[in-house]
C-alpha atoms as a PDB file:
ATOM      1  CA  UNK A   1     -29.523 -56.556 -39.551  1.00  0.00           C
ATOM      2  CA  UNK A   2     -32.842 -57.152 -37.581  1.00  0.00           C
ATOM      3  CA  UNK A   3     -31.265 -60.068 -35.838  1.00  0.00           C
ATOM      4  CA  UNK A   4     -28.199 -58.055 -34.818  1.00  0.00           C
ATOM      5  CA  UNK A   5     -30.511 -55.305 -33.546  1.00  0.00           C
ATOM      6  CA  UNK A   6     -32.461 -57.777 -31.391  1.00  0.00           C
ATOM      7  CA  UNK A   7     -29.226 -59.305 -30.123  1.00  0.00           C
ATOM      8  CA  UNK A   8     -27.792 -55.804 -29.145  1.00  0.00           C
ATOM      9  CA  UNK A   9     -31.065 -54.955 -27.408  1.00  0.00           C
ATOM     10  CA  UNK A  10     -31.189 -58.263 -25.567  1.00  0.00           C
ATOM     11  CA  UNK A  11     -27.573 -57.874 -24.380  1.00  0.00           C
ATOM     12  CA  UNK A  12     -28.416 -54.320 -23.071  1.00  0.00           C
ATOM     13  CA  UNK A  13     -31.429 -55.668 -21.097  1.00  0.00           C
ATOM     14  CA  UNK A  14     -29.388 -58.417 -19.694  1.00  0.00           C
ATOM     15  CA  UNK A  15     -26.606 -56.111 -18.589  1.00  0.00           C
ATOM     16  CA  UNK A  16     -29.231 -53.687 -16.963  1.00  0.00           C
ATOM     17  CA  UNK A  17     -30.864 -56.601 -15.156  1.00  0.00           C
ATOM     18  CA  UNK A  18     -27.536 -57.841 -13.849  1.00  0.00           C
ATOM     19  CA  UNK A  19     -26.613 -54.260 -12.635  1.00  0.00           C
ATOM     20  CA  UNK A  20     -30.014 -53.862 -10.965  1.00  0.00           C
ATOM     21  CA  UNK A  21     -29.324 -57.119  -9.045  1.00  0.00           C
ATOM     22  CA  UNK A  22     -25.831 -55.864  -7.994  1.00  0.00           C
ATOM     23  CA  UNK A  23     -27.319 -52.519  -6.852  1.00  0.00           C
ATOM     24  CA  UNK A  24     -29.935 -54.237  -4.881  1.00  0.00           C
ATOM     25  CA  UNK A  25     -27.466 -56.574  -3.199  1.00  0.00           C
ATOM     26  CA  UNK A  26     -25.046 -53.734  -2.311  1.00  0.00           C
ATOM     27  CA  UNK A  27     -27.866 -51.857  -0.651  1.00  0.00           C
ATOM     28  CA  UNK A  28     -28.588 -54.837   1.601  1.00  0.00           C
ATOM     29  CA  UNK A  29     -24.908 -55.270   2.759  1.00  0.00           C
ATOM     30  CA  UNK A  30     -23.855 -51.713   3.298  1.00  0.00           C
ATOM     31  CA  UNK A  31     -26.060 -51.016   6.292  1.00  0.00           C
ATOM     32  CA  UNK A  32     -29.549 -50.798   7.792  1.00  0.00           C
ATOM     33  CA  UNK A  33     -31.652 -47.901   6.550  1.00  0.00           C
ATOM     34  CA  UNK A  34     -34.091 -48.381   9.516  1.00  0.00           C
ATOM     35  CA  UNK A  35     -31.366 -47.244  11.893  1.00  0.00           C
ATOM     36  CA  UNK A  36     -31.065 -43.950   9.919  1.00  0.00           C
ATOM     37  CA  UNK A  37     -34.785 -43.217  10.017  1.00  0.00           C
ATOM     38  CA  UNK A  38     -35.426 -43.923  13.624  1.00  0.00           C
ATOM     39  CA  UNK A  39     -34.416 -41.670  16.527  1.00  0.00           C
ATOM     40  CA  UNK A  40     -32.377 -42.854  19.520  1.00  0.00           C
ATOM     41  CA  UNK A  41     -35.589 -42.976  21.576  1.00  0.00           C
ATOM     42  CA  UNK A  42     -37.355 -45.356  19.154  1.00  0.00           C
ATOM     43  CA  UNK A  43     -38.591 -48.565  20.726  1.00  0.00           C
ATOM     44  CA  UNK A  44     -38.357 -52.059  19.261  1.00  0.00           C
ATOM     45  CA  UNK A  45     -42.019 -51.868  18.268  1.00  0.00           C
ATOM     46  CA  UNK A  46     -41.190 -48.753  16.193  1.00  0.00           C
ATOM     47  CA  UNK A  47     -38.294 -50.590  14.593  1.00  0.00           C
ATOM     48  CA  UNK A  48     -40.481 -53.549  13.659  1.00  0.00           C
ATOM     49  CA  UNK A  49     -43.240 -51.347  12.342  1.00  0.00           C
ATOM     50  CA  UNK A  50     -40.923 -49.381  10.141  1.00  0.00           C
ATOM     51  CA  UNK A  51     -39.203 -52.595   8.945  1.00  0.00           C
ATOM     52  CA  UNK A  52     -42.538 -53.952   7.807  1.00  0.00           C
ATOM     53  CA  UNK A  53     -43.459 -50.680   6.221  1.00  0.00           C
ATOM     54  CA  UNK A  54     -40.356 -50.679   4.137  1.00  0.00           C
ATOM     55  CA  UNK A  55     -40.837 -54.327   3.197  1.00  0.00           C
ATOM     56  CA  UNK A  56     -37.513 -55.307   4.743  1.00  0.00           C
ATOM     57  CA  UNK A  57     -39.157 -58.157   6.642  1.00  0.00           C
ATOM     58  CA  UNK A  58     -39.854 -59.989   3.307  1.00  0.00           C
ATOM     59  CA  UNK A  59     -37.482 -62.635   1.836  1.00  0.00           C
ATOM     60  CA  UNK A  60     -34.698 -61.178  -0.312  1.00  0.00           C
ATOM     61  CA  UNK A  61     -36.134 -62.589  -3.461  1.00  0.00           C
ATOM     62  CA  UNK A  62     -39.551 -61.044  -2.802  1.00  0.00           C
ATOM     63  CA  UNK A  63     -37.928 -57.776  -1.998  1.00  0.00           C
ATOM     64  CA  UNK A  64     -35.996 -57.866  -5.338  1.00  0.00           C
ATOM     65  CA  UNK A  65     -39.111 -58.596  -7.323  1.00  0.00           C
ATOM     66  CA  UNK A  66     -40.874 -55.648  -5.577  1.00  0.00           C
ATOM     67  CA  UNK A  67     -37.775 -53.539  -6.343  1.00  0.00           C
ATOM     68  CA  UNK A  68     -37.878 -54.434 -10.059  1.00  0.00           C
ATOM     69  CA  UNK A  69     -41.649 -53.879 -10.235  1.00  0.00           C
ATOM     70  CA  UNK A  70     -41.368 -50.431  -8.677  1.00  0.00           C
ATOM     71  CA  UNK A  71     -38.398 -49.523 -10.762  1.00  0.00           C
ATOM     72  CA  UNK A  72     -40.325 -50.268 -13.921  1.00  0.00           C
ATOM     73  CA  UNK A  73     -42.951 -47.820 -12.752  1.00  0.00           C
ATOM     74  CA  UNK A  74     -40.312 -45.152 -11.947  1.00  0.00           C
ATOM     75  CA  UNK A  75     -40.394 -45.646  -8.230  1.00  0.00           C
ATOM     76  CA  UNK A  76     -36.936 -46.021  -6.812  1.00  0.00           C
ATOM     77  CA  UNK A  77     -37.902 -45.159  -3.186  1.00  0.00           C
ATOM     78  CA  UNK A  78     -37.603 -41.902  -1.267  1.00  0.00           C
ATOM     79  CA  UNK A  79     -34.619 -40.115   0.112  1.00  0.00           C
ATOM     80  CA  UNK A  80     -33.912 -40.858   3.743  1.00  0.00           C
ATOM     81  CA  UNK A  81     -32.786 -37.276   4.378  1.00  0.00           C
ATOM     82  CA  UNK A  82     -34.857 -34.058   4.756  1.00  0.00           C
ATOM     83  CA  UNK A  83     -38.348 -34.059   3.361  1.00  0.00           C
ATOM     84  CA  UNK A  84     -37.924 -37.463   1.870  1.00  0.00           C
ATOM     85  CA  UNK A  85     -38.410 -36.533  -1.759  1.00  0.00           C
ATOM     86  CA  UNK A  86     -38.625 -39.250  -4.495  1.00  0.00           C
ATOM     87  CA  UNK A  87     -35.126 -40.495  -5.211  1.00  0.00           C
ATOM     88  CA  UNK A  88     -35.748 -40.591  -8.972  1.00  0.00           C
ATOM     89  CA  UNK A  89     -36.959 -36.870  -8.854  1.00  0.00           C
ATOM     90  CA  UNK A  90     -33.747 -35.796  -7.110  1.00  0.00           C
ATOM     91  CA  UNK A  91     -31.541 -37.560  -9.713  1.00  0.00           C
ATOM     92  CA  UNK A  92     -33.431 -36.129 -12.721  1.00  0.00           C
ATOM     93  CA  UNK A  93     -33.313 -32.727 -11.230  1.00  0.00           C
ATOM     94  CA  UNK A  94     -29.460 -32.956 -11.220  1.00  0.00           C
ATOM     95  CA  UNK A  95     -29.183 -34.850 -14.571  1.00  0.00           C
ATOM     96  CA  UNK A  96     -29.421 -31.770 -16.799  1.00  0.00           C
ATOM     97  CA  UNK A  97     -26.387 -30.140 -15.245  1.00  0.00           C
ATOM     98  CA  UNK A  98     -24.343 -33.262 -15.736  1.00  0.00           C
ATOM     99  CA  UNK A  99     -25.400 -33.494 -19.418  1.00  0.00           C
ATOM    100  CA  UNK A 100     -24.531 -29.907 -19.952  1.00  0.00           C
ATOM    101  CA  UNK A 101     -20.999 -30.285 -18.463  1.00  0.00           C
ATOM    102  CA  UNK A 102     -20.427 -33.635 -20.345  1.00  0.00           C
ATOM    103  CA  UNK A 103     -21.607 -32.042 -23.623  1.00  0.00           C
ATOM    104  CA  UNK A 104     -19.351 -29.027 -23.295  1.00  0.00           C
ATOM    105  CA  UNK A 105     -16.363 -31.260 -22.384  1.00  0.00           C
ATOM    106  CA  UNK A 106     -17.107 -33.685 -25.268  1.00  0.00           C
ATOM    107  CA  UNK A 107     -17.254 -30.753 -27.799  1.00  0.00           C
ATOM    108  CA  UNK A 108     -13.926 -29.370 -26.411  1.00  0.00           C
ATOM    109  CA  UNK A 109     -12.306 -32.830 -26.756  1.00  0.00           C
ATOM    110  CA  UNK A 110     -13.424 -33.265 -30.289  1.00  0.00           C
ATOM    111  CA  UNK A 111     -12.549 -29.761 -31.468  1.00  0.00           C
ATOM    112  CA  UNK A 112      -8.973 -30.132 -30.267  1.00  0.00           C
ATOM    113  CA  UNK A 113      -8.367 -33.829 -30.257  1.00  0.00           C
ATOM    114  CA  UNK A 114      -9.176 -34.444 -33.914  1.00  0.00           C
ATOM    115  CA  UNK A 115      -7.107 -31.696 -35.498  1.00  0.00           C
ATOM    116  CA  UNK A 116      -4.253 -32.559 -33.123  1.00  0.00           C
ATOM    117  CA  UNK A 117      -4.432 -36.165 -33.980  1.00  0.00           C
ATOM    118  CA  UNK A 118      -4.426 -35.382 -37.754  1.00  0.00           C
ATOM    119  CA  UNK A 119      -1.533 -32.987 -37.402  1.00  0.00           C
ATOM    120  CA  UNK A 120       0.466 -35.530 -35.341  1.00  0.00           C
ATOM    121  CA  UNK A 121      -0.044 -38.209 -38.026  1.00  0.00           C
ATOM    122  CA  UNK A 122       0.663 -35.896 -40.986  1.00  0.00           C
ATOM    123  CA  UNK A 123       3.869 -34.610 -39.341  1.00  0.00           C
ATOM    124  CA  UNK A 124       4.935 -37.856 -37.786  1.00  0.00           C
ATOM    125  CA  UNK A 125       8.319 -37.651 -36.064  1.00  0.00           C
ATOM    126  CA  UNK A 126       8.385 -33.886 -35.901  1.00  0.00           C
ATOM    127  CA  UNK A 127       7.867 -31.463 -33.018  1.00  0.00           C
ATOM    128  CA  UNK A 128       4.094 -31.335 -33.431  1.00  0.00           C
ATOM    129  CA  UNK A 129       3.819 -35.072 -33.219  1.00  0.00           C
ATOM    130  CA  UNK A 130       5.977 -35.121 -30.083  1.00  0.00           C
ATOM    131  CA  UNK A 131       3.848 -32.533 -28.484  1.00  0.00           C
ATOM    132  CA  UNK A 132       0.601 -34.214 -29.319  1.00  0.00           C
ATOM    133  CA  UNK A 133       1.782 -37.467 -27.987  1.00  0.00           C
ATOM    134  CA  UNK A 134       3.152 -35.758 -24.846  1.00  0.00           C
ATOM    135  CA  UNK A 135      -0.276 -34.151 -24.284  1.00  0.00           C
ATOM    136  CA  UNK A 136      -2.077 -37.457 -24.754  1.00  0.00           C
ATOM    137  CA  UNK A 137       0.287 -39.113 -22.219  1.00  0.00           C
ATOM    138  CA  UNK A 138      -0.252 -36.266 -19.726  1.00  0.00           C
ATOM    139  CA  UNK A 139      -4.013 -36.335 -20.282  1.00  0.00           C
ATOM    140  CA  UNK A 140      -4.310 -40.008 -19.610  1.00  0.00           C
ATOM    141  CA  UNK A 141      -1.901 -39.939 -16.576  1.00  0.00           C
ATOM    142  CA  UNK A 142      -2.699 -36.805 -14.511  1.00  0.00           C
ATOM    143  CA  UNK A 143      -5.262 -37.572 -11.667  1.00  0.00           C
ATOM    144  CA  UNK A 144      -8.469 -35.675 -12.232  1.00  0.00           C
ATOM    145  CA  UNK A 145      -8.803 -34.263  -8.718  1.00  0.00           C
ATOM    146  CA  UNK A 146      -5.177 -32.963  -8.911  1.00  0.00           C
ATOM    147  CA  UNK A 147      -5.756 -31.319 -12.157  1.00  0.00           C
ATOM    148  CA  UNK A 148      -8.902 -29.600 -10.942  1.00  0.00           C
ATOM    149  CA  UNK A 149      -7.158 -28.334  -7.766  1.00  0.00           C
ATOM    150  CA  UNK A 150      -4.266 -26.990  -9.821  1.00  0.00           C
ATOM    151  CA  UNK A 151      -6.659 -25.143 -12.195  1.00  0.00           C
ATOM    152  CA  UNK A 152      -8.507 -23.626  -9.341  1.00  0.00           C
ATOM    153  CA  UNK A 153      -5.226 -22.451  -7.779  1.00  0.00           C
ATOM    154  CA  UNK A 154      -3.973 -21.025 -10.950  1.00  0.00           C
ATOM    155  CA  UNK A 155      -6.965 -19.395 -12.671  1.00  0.00           C
ATOM    156  CA  UNK A 156      -9.135 -18.570  -9.672  1.00  0.00           C
ATOM    157  CA  UNK A 157      -6.845 -18.011  -6.662  1.00  0.00           C
ATOM    158  CA  UNK A 158      -3.789 -16.600  -8.373  1.00  0.00           C
ATOM    159  CA  UNK A 159      -5.069 -14.847 -11.429  1.00  0.00           C
ATOM    160  CA  UNK A 160      -8.661 -14.300 -10.441  1.00  0.00           C
ATOM    161  CA  UNK A 161      -9.994 -14.929 -13.918  1.00  0.00           C
ATOM    162  CA  UNK A 162     -12.577 -17.681 -13.217  1.00  0.00           C
ATOM    163  CA  UNK A 163     -14.916 -18.621 -10.402  1.00  0.00           C
ATOM    164  CA  UNK A 164     -13.737 -21.370  -8.188  1.00  0.00           C
ATOM    165  CA  UNK A 165     -16.958 -23.448  -8.196  1.00  0.00           C
ATOM    166  CA  UNK A 166     -20.665 -23.537  -8.721  1.00  0.00           C
ATOM    167  CA  UNK A 167     -22.977 -23.256 -11.671  1.00  0.00           C
ATOM    168  CA  UNK A 168     -23.642 -20.005 -13.615  1.00  0.00           C
ATOM    169  CA  UNK A 169     -22.544 -18.361 -16.799  1.00  0.00           C
ATOM    170  CA  UNK A 170     -20.036 -19.714 -19.430  1.00  0.00           C
ATOM    171  CA  UNK A 171     -16.993 -19.030 -17.200  1.00  0.00           C
ATOM    172  CA  UNK A 172     -18.243 -21.656 -14.719  1.00  0.00           C
ATOM    173  CA  UNK A 173     -17.951 -24.313 -17.508  1.00  0.00           C
ATOM    174  CA  UNK A 174     -14.297 -23.703 -18.402  1.00  0.00           C
ATOM    175  CA  UNK A 175     -12.291 -25.369 -15.646  1.00  0.00           C
ATOM    176  CA  UNK A 176     -14.780 -28.357 -14.998  1.00  0.00           C
ATOM    177  CA  UNK A 177     -15.091 -29.070 -18.721  1.00  0.00           C
ATOM    178  CA  UNK A 178     -11.261 -28.931 -19.180  1.00  0.00           C
ATOM    179  CA  UNK A 179     -10.644 -31.229 -16.276  1.00  0.00           C
ATOM    180  CA  UNK A 180     -13.350 -33.613 -17.362  1.00  0.00           C
ATOM    181  CA  UNK A 181     -12.415 -33.536 -21.090  1.00  0.00           C
ATOM    182  CA  UNK A 182      -8.673 -33.858 -20.821  1.00  0.00           C
ATOM    183  CA  UNK A 183      -8.651 -37.628 -20.616  1.00  0.00           C
ATOM    184  CA  UNK A 184     -11.080 -37.974 -23.535  1.00  0.00           C
ATOM    185  CA  UNK A 185      -9.054 -35.372 -25.549  1.00  0.00           C
ATOM    186  CA  UNK A 186      -6.013 -37.504 -24.965  1.00  0.00           C
ATOM    187  CA  UNK A 187      -7.904 -40.680 -26.119  1.00  0.00           C
ATOM    188  CA  UNK A 188      -9.327 -38.977 -29.142  1.00  0.00           C
ATOM    189  CA  UNK A 189      -5.869 -37.656 -30.182  1.00  0.00           C
ATOM    190  CA  UNK A 190      -4.242 -41.037 -29.985  1.00  0.00           C
ATOM    191  CA  UNK A 191      -7.117 -42.756 -31.698  1.00  0.00           C
ATOM    192  CA  UNK A 192      -7.301 -40.322 -34.489  1.00  0.00           C
ATOM    193  CA  UNK A 193      -3.520 -40.378 -34.914  1.00  0.00           C
ATOM    194  CA  UNK A 194      -3.443 -44.107 -35.171  1.00  0.00           C
ATOM    195  CA  UNK A 195      -6.382 -44.169 -37.624  1.00  0.00           C
ATOM    196  CA  UNK A 196      -4.812 -41.415 -39.849  1.00  0.00           C
ATOM    197  CA  UNK A 197      -1.459 -43.285 -39.954  1.00  0.00           C
ATOM    198  CA  UNK A 198      -3.281 -46.443 -41.092  1.00  0.00           C
ATOM    199  CA  UNK A 199      -5.233 -44.574 -43.632  1.00  0.00           C
ATOM    200  CA  UNK A 200      -2.296 -42.678 -45.029  1.00  0.00           C
ATOM    201  CA  UNK A 201      -0.344 -46.019 -45.656  1.00  0.00           C
ATOM    202  CA  UNK A 202      -3.365 -47.678 -47.163  1.00  0.00           C
ATOM    203  CA  UNK A 203      -3.648 -48.679 -50.790  1.00  0.00           C
ATOM    204  CA  UNK A 204      -6.425 -46.339 -51.748  1.00  0.00           C
ATOM    205  CA  UNK A 205      -4.388 -43.292 -50.514  1.00  0.00           C
ATOM    206  CA  UNK A 206      -1.414 -44.570 -52.566  1.00  0.00           C
ATOM    207  CA  UNK A 207      -3.586 -44.955 -55.615  1.00  0.00           C
ATOM    208  CA  UNK A 208      -4.996 -41.476 -55.129  1.00  0.00           C
ATOM    209  CA  UNK A 209      -1.464 -40.005 -55.015  1.00  0.00           C
ATOM    210  CA  UNK A 210      -0.607 -41.937 -58.193  1.00  0.00           C
ATOM    211  CA  UNK A 211      -3.629 -40.409 -59.906  1.00  0.00           C
ATOM    212  CA  UNK A 212      -2.264 -36.879 -58.987  1.00  0.00           C
ATOM    213  CA  UNK A 213      -4.883 -35.927 -56.364  1.00  0.00           C
ATOM    214  CA  UNK A 214      -3.713 -32.984 -54.252  1.00  0.00           C
ATOM    215  CA  UNK A 215      -2.467 -33.647 -50.728  1.00  0.00           C
ATOM    216  CA  UNK A 216      -5.235 -31.656 -49.143  1.00  0.00           C
ATOM    217  CA  UNK A 217      -7.910 -33.813 -50.973  1.00  0.00           C
ATOM    218  CA  UNK A 218      -6.289 -36.921 -49.837  1.00  0.00           C
ATOM    219  CA  UNK A 219      -6.059 -35.824 -46.244  1.00  0.00           C
ATOM    220  CA  UNK A 220      -9.662 -34.553 -46.123  1.00  0.00           C
ATOM    221  CA  UNK A 221     -11.568 -36.562 -48.501  1.00  0.00           C
ATOM    222  CA  UNK A 222      -9.867 -39.968 -48.302  1.00  0.00           C
ATOM    223  CA  UNK A 223      -7.806 -40.243 -45.089  1.00  0.00           C
ATOM    224  CA  UNK A 224      -9.771 -38.189 -42.561  1.00  0.00           C
ATOM    225  CA  UNK A 225     -13.224 -39.411 -43.569  1.00  0.00           C
ATOM    226  CA  UNK A 226     -12.158 -43.027 -43.040  1.00  0.00           C
ATOM    227  CA  UNK A 227     -10.157 -42.170 -39.865  1.00  0.00           C
ATOM    228  CA  UNK A 228     -13.250 -40.655 -38.179  1.00  0.00           C
ATOM    229  CA  UNK A 229     -15.192 -43.912 -38.101  1.00  0.00           C
ATOM    230  CA  UNK A 230     -13.372 -45.327 -34.928  1.00  0.00           C
ATOM    231  CA  UNK A 231     -13.719 -41.921 -33.294  1.00  0.00           C
ATOM    232  CA  UNK A 232     -17.455 -41.705 -33.951  1.00  0.00           C
ATOM    233  CA  UNK A 233     -17.726 -45.299 -32.774  1.00  0.00           C
ATOM    234  CA  UNK A 234     -16.388 -44.301 -29.370  1.00  0.00           C
ATOM    235  CA  UNK A 235     -18.317 -41.051 -29.220  1.00  0.00           C
ATOM    236  CA  UNK A 236     -21.154 -42.509 -27.228  1.00  0.00           C
ATOM    237  CA  UNK A 237     -18.858 -44.347 -24.930  1.00  0.00           C
ATOM    238  CA  UNK A 238     -16.955 -41.124 -24.227  1.00  0.00           C
ATOM    239  CA  UNK A 239     -20.036 -39.163 -23.513  1.00  0.00           C
ATOM    240  CA  UNK A 240     -21.417 -41.873 -21.147  1.00  0.00           C
ATOM    241  CA  UNK A 241     -18.135 -42.259 -19.408  1.00  0.00           C
ATOM    242  CA  UNK A 242     -17.929 -38.429 -18.813  1.00  0.00           C
ATOM    243  CA  UNK A 243     -21.411 -38.479 -17.149  1.00  0.00           C
ATOM    244  CA  UNK A 244     -20.846 -41.671 -15.034  1.00  0.00           C
ATOM    245  CA  UNK A 245     -17.246 -40.680 -14.160  1.00  0.00           C
ATOM    246  CA  UNK A 246     -17.836 -37.081 -13.157  1.00  0.00           C
ATOM    247  CA  UNK A 247     -18.207 -37.710  -9.495  1.00  0.00           C
ATOM    248  CA  UNK A 248     -14.625 -36.282  -8.729  1.00  0.00           C
ATOM    249  CA  UNK A 249     -14.959 -33.357 -11.038  1.00  0.00           C
ATOM    250  CA  UNK A 250     -18.342 -32.270  -9.816  1.00  0.00           C
ATOM    251  CA  UNK A 251     -17.169 -32.631  -6.211  1.00  0.00           C
ATOM    252  CA  UNK A 252     -14.063 -30.574  -6.701  1.00  0.00           C
ATOM    253  CA  UNK A 253     -15.926 -27.789  -8.476  1.00  0.00           C
ATOM    254  CA  UNK A 254     -19.227 -28.026  -6.499  1.00  0.00           C
ATOM    255  CA  UNK A 255     -21.112 -28.703  -9.756  1.00  0.00           C
ATOM    256  CA  UNK A 256     -24.700 -29.648  -8.955  1.00  0.00           C
ATOM    257  CA  UNK A 257     -24.886 -32.772 -11.201  1.00  0.00           C
ATOM    258  CA  UNK A 258     -25.676 -36.500 -10.391  1.00  0.00           C
ATOM    259  CA  UNK A 259     -22.023 -37.152  -9.670  1.00  0.00           C
ATOM    260  CA  UNK A 260     -21.992 -34.747  -6.690  1.00  0.00           C
ATOM    261  CA  UNK A 261     -25.340 -36.042  -5.644  1.00  0.00           C
ATOM    262  CA  UNK A 262     -24.064 -39.606  -5.624  1.00  0.00           C
ATOM    263  CA  UNK A 263     -21.041 -38.402  -3.478  1.00  0.00           C
ATOM    264  CA  UNK A 264     -23.220 -36.661  -0.978  1.00  0.00           C
ATOM    265  CA  UNK A 265     -25.776 -39.483  -0.845  1.00  0.00           C
ATOM    266  CA  UNK A 266     -22.913 -41.968  -0.096  1.00  0.00           C
ATOM    267  CA  UNK A 267     -21.611 -39.767   2.774  1.00  0.00           C
ATOM    268  CA  UNK A 268     -25.109 -39.636   4.227  1.00  0.00           C
ATOM    269  CA  UNK A 269     -25.816 -43.271   3.541  1.00  0.00           C
ATOM    270  CA  UNK A 270     -28.975 -42.178   1.700  1.00  0.00           C
ATOM    271  CA  UNK A 271     -29.391 -45.660   0.025  1.00  0.00           C
ATOM    272  CA  UNK A 272     -32.447 -44.950  -2.161  1.00  0.00           C
ATOM    273  CA  UNK A 273     -30.755 -41.882  -3.766  1.00  0.00           C
ATOM    274  CA  UNK A 274     -27.451 -43.890  -4.206  1.00  0.00           C
ATOM    275  CA  UNK A 275     -29.416 -46.759  -5.769  1.00  0.00           C
ATOM    276  CA  UNK A 276     -31.430 -44.384  -8.091  1.00  0.00           C
ATOM    277  CA  UNK A 277     -28.177 -42.545  -9.099  1.00  0.00           C
ATOM    278  CA  UNK A 278     -26.220 -45.661  -9.923  1.00  0.00           C
ATOM    279  CA  UNK A 279     -29.087 -47.228 -11.821  1.00  0.00           C
ATOM    280  CA  UNK A 280     -29.552 -44.015 -13.819  1.00  0.00           C
ATOM    281  CA  UNK A 281     -25.888 -43.818 -14.662  1.00  0.00           C
ATOM    282  CA  UNK A 282     -25.980 -47.515 -15.746  1.00  0.00           C
ATOM    283  CA  UNK A 283     -29.000 -46.916 -17.952  1.00  0.00           C
ATOM    284  CA  UNK A 284     -27.302 -43.898 -19.561  1.00  0.00           C
ATOM    285  CA  UNK A 285     -24.074 -45.863 -20.208  1.00  0.00           C
ATOM    286  CA  UNK A 286     -25.886 -48.923 -21.630  1.00  0.00           C
ATOM    287  CA  UNK A 287     -28.127 -46.728 -23.757  1.00  0.00           C
ATOM    288  CA  UNK A 288     -25.219 -44.771 -25.243  1.00  0.00           C
ATOM    289  CA  UNK A 289     -23.306 -47.966 -26.086  1.00  0.00           C
ATOM    290  CA  UNK A 290     -26.488 -49.503 -27.648  1.00  0.00           C
ATOM    291  CA  UNK A 291     -27.077 -46.412 -29.754  1.00  0.00           C
ATOM    292  CA  UNK A 292     -23.507 -46.463 -30.956  1.00  0.00           C
ATOM    293  CA  UNK A 293     -23.758 -50.186 -31.843  1.00  0.00           C
ATOM    294  CA  UNK A 294     -26.889 -49.511 -33.805  1.00  0.00           C
ATOM    295  CA  UNK A 295     -25.470 -46.538 -35.634  1.00  0.00           C
ATOM    296  CA  UNK A 296     -22.310 -48.489 -36.554  1.00  0.00           C
ATOM    297  CA  UNK A 297     -24.480 -51.283 -37.919  1.00  0.00           C
ATOM    298  CA  UNK A 298     -26.282 -48.777 -40.060  1.00  0.00           C
ATOM    299  CA  UNK A 299     -23.016 -46.981 -41.257  1.00  0.00           C
ATOM    300  CA  UNK A 300     -20.816 -50.101 -41.906  1.00  0.00           C
ATOM    301  CA  UNK A 301     -22.150 -52.501 -44.491  1.00  0.00           C
ATOM    302  CA  UNK A 302     -19.625 -55.037 -43.411  1.00  0.00           C
ATOM    303  CA  UNK A 303     -21.216 -55.160 -39.922  1.00  0.00           C
ATOM    304  CA  UNK A 304     -24.627 -55.695 -41.422  1.00  0.00           C
ATOM    305  CA  UNK A 305     -23.409 -58.525 -43.583  1.00  0.00           C
ATOM    306  CA  UNK A 306     -21.697 -60.158 -40.668  1.00  0.00           C
ATOM    307  CA  UNK A 307     -24.811 -59.840 -38.524  1.00  0.00           C
ATOM    308  CA  UNK A 308     -27.107 -61.824 -40.893  1.00  0.00           C
END
């Protein structure tokens, strides 16, 4: 198991290193930050001085080594807009809002998706099964931005029940969490349904029925417990995907998270903030997947045996 843990950690570090190289390369090919910082009246001498101050006159390999060194020390540059705050500080100030939204959306997805998947498997071929599969199909097909606009029009403009945007009390969470969590709810429903069907047709469930175990005990103690393993395995991936994929949702609902920060920074071509945002999202995604892999190794003896 120790070897497997080391392997997983090494893979995570390699993925983070490759992503940092991609972020560094994209920053260099998407525009000149010097042009954004200088006024129209700046001279060529001003341009050369600022280029040297930012280290852009160095070879690309040297710039990348400096970038990695600064990143390891938590220095991802300063914003090119306004009072030029540290980019990482801006990202961390928005991260909590994204974590709150993703957490509420994930809880909503699990509380509805798991019971719906269980009922769909137990009542296979009936109306509840058809309704659950239809919801899963809609949840994985409807564009996020369209769903958000429809919810705003229905619950805010037409009915006046919920605020249209912003961050505040529990009512501000409902529409963004529903919009963000619908895709994950659909995925959990389908995954739980498939796992339950496999468990209900397994030999140990058939043996439990032969022994006279009640149907409720079979569903809860035998089938559901084993069916939750794939769902738990993907939980970290779902949570990370919600945070990293919340750009559209946070923009539609004016949610002050890192997704909206990334969108605003791209529009303003604020390269250091975009760089810090993408790198933070990447680190979150890799960390969540690494945590899930390690938990799965701890929970499943078969994985530990195969990793030796």
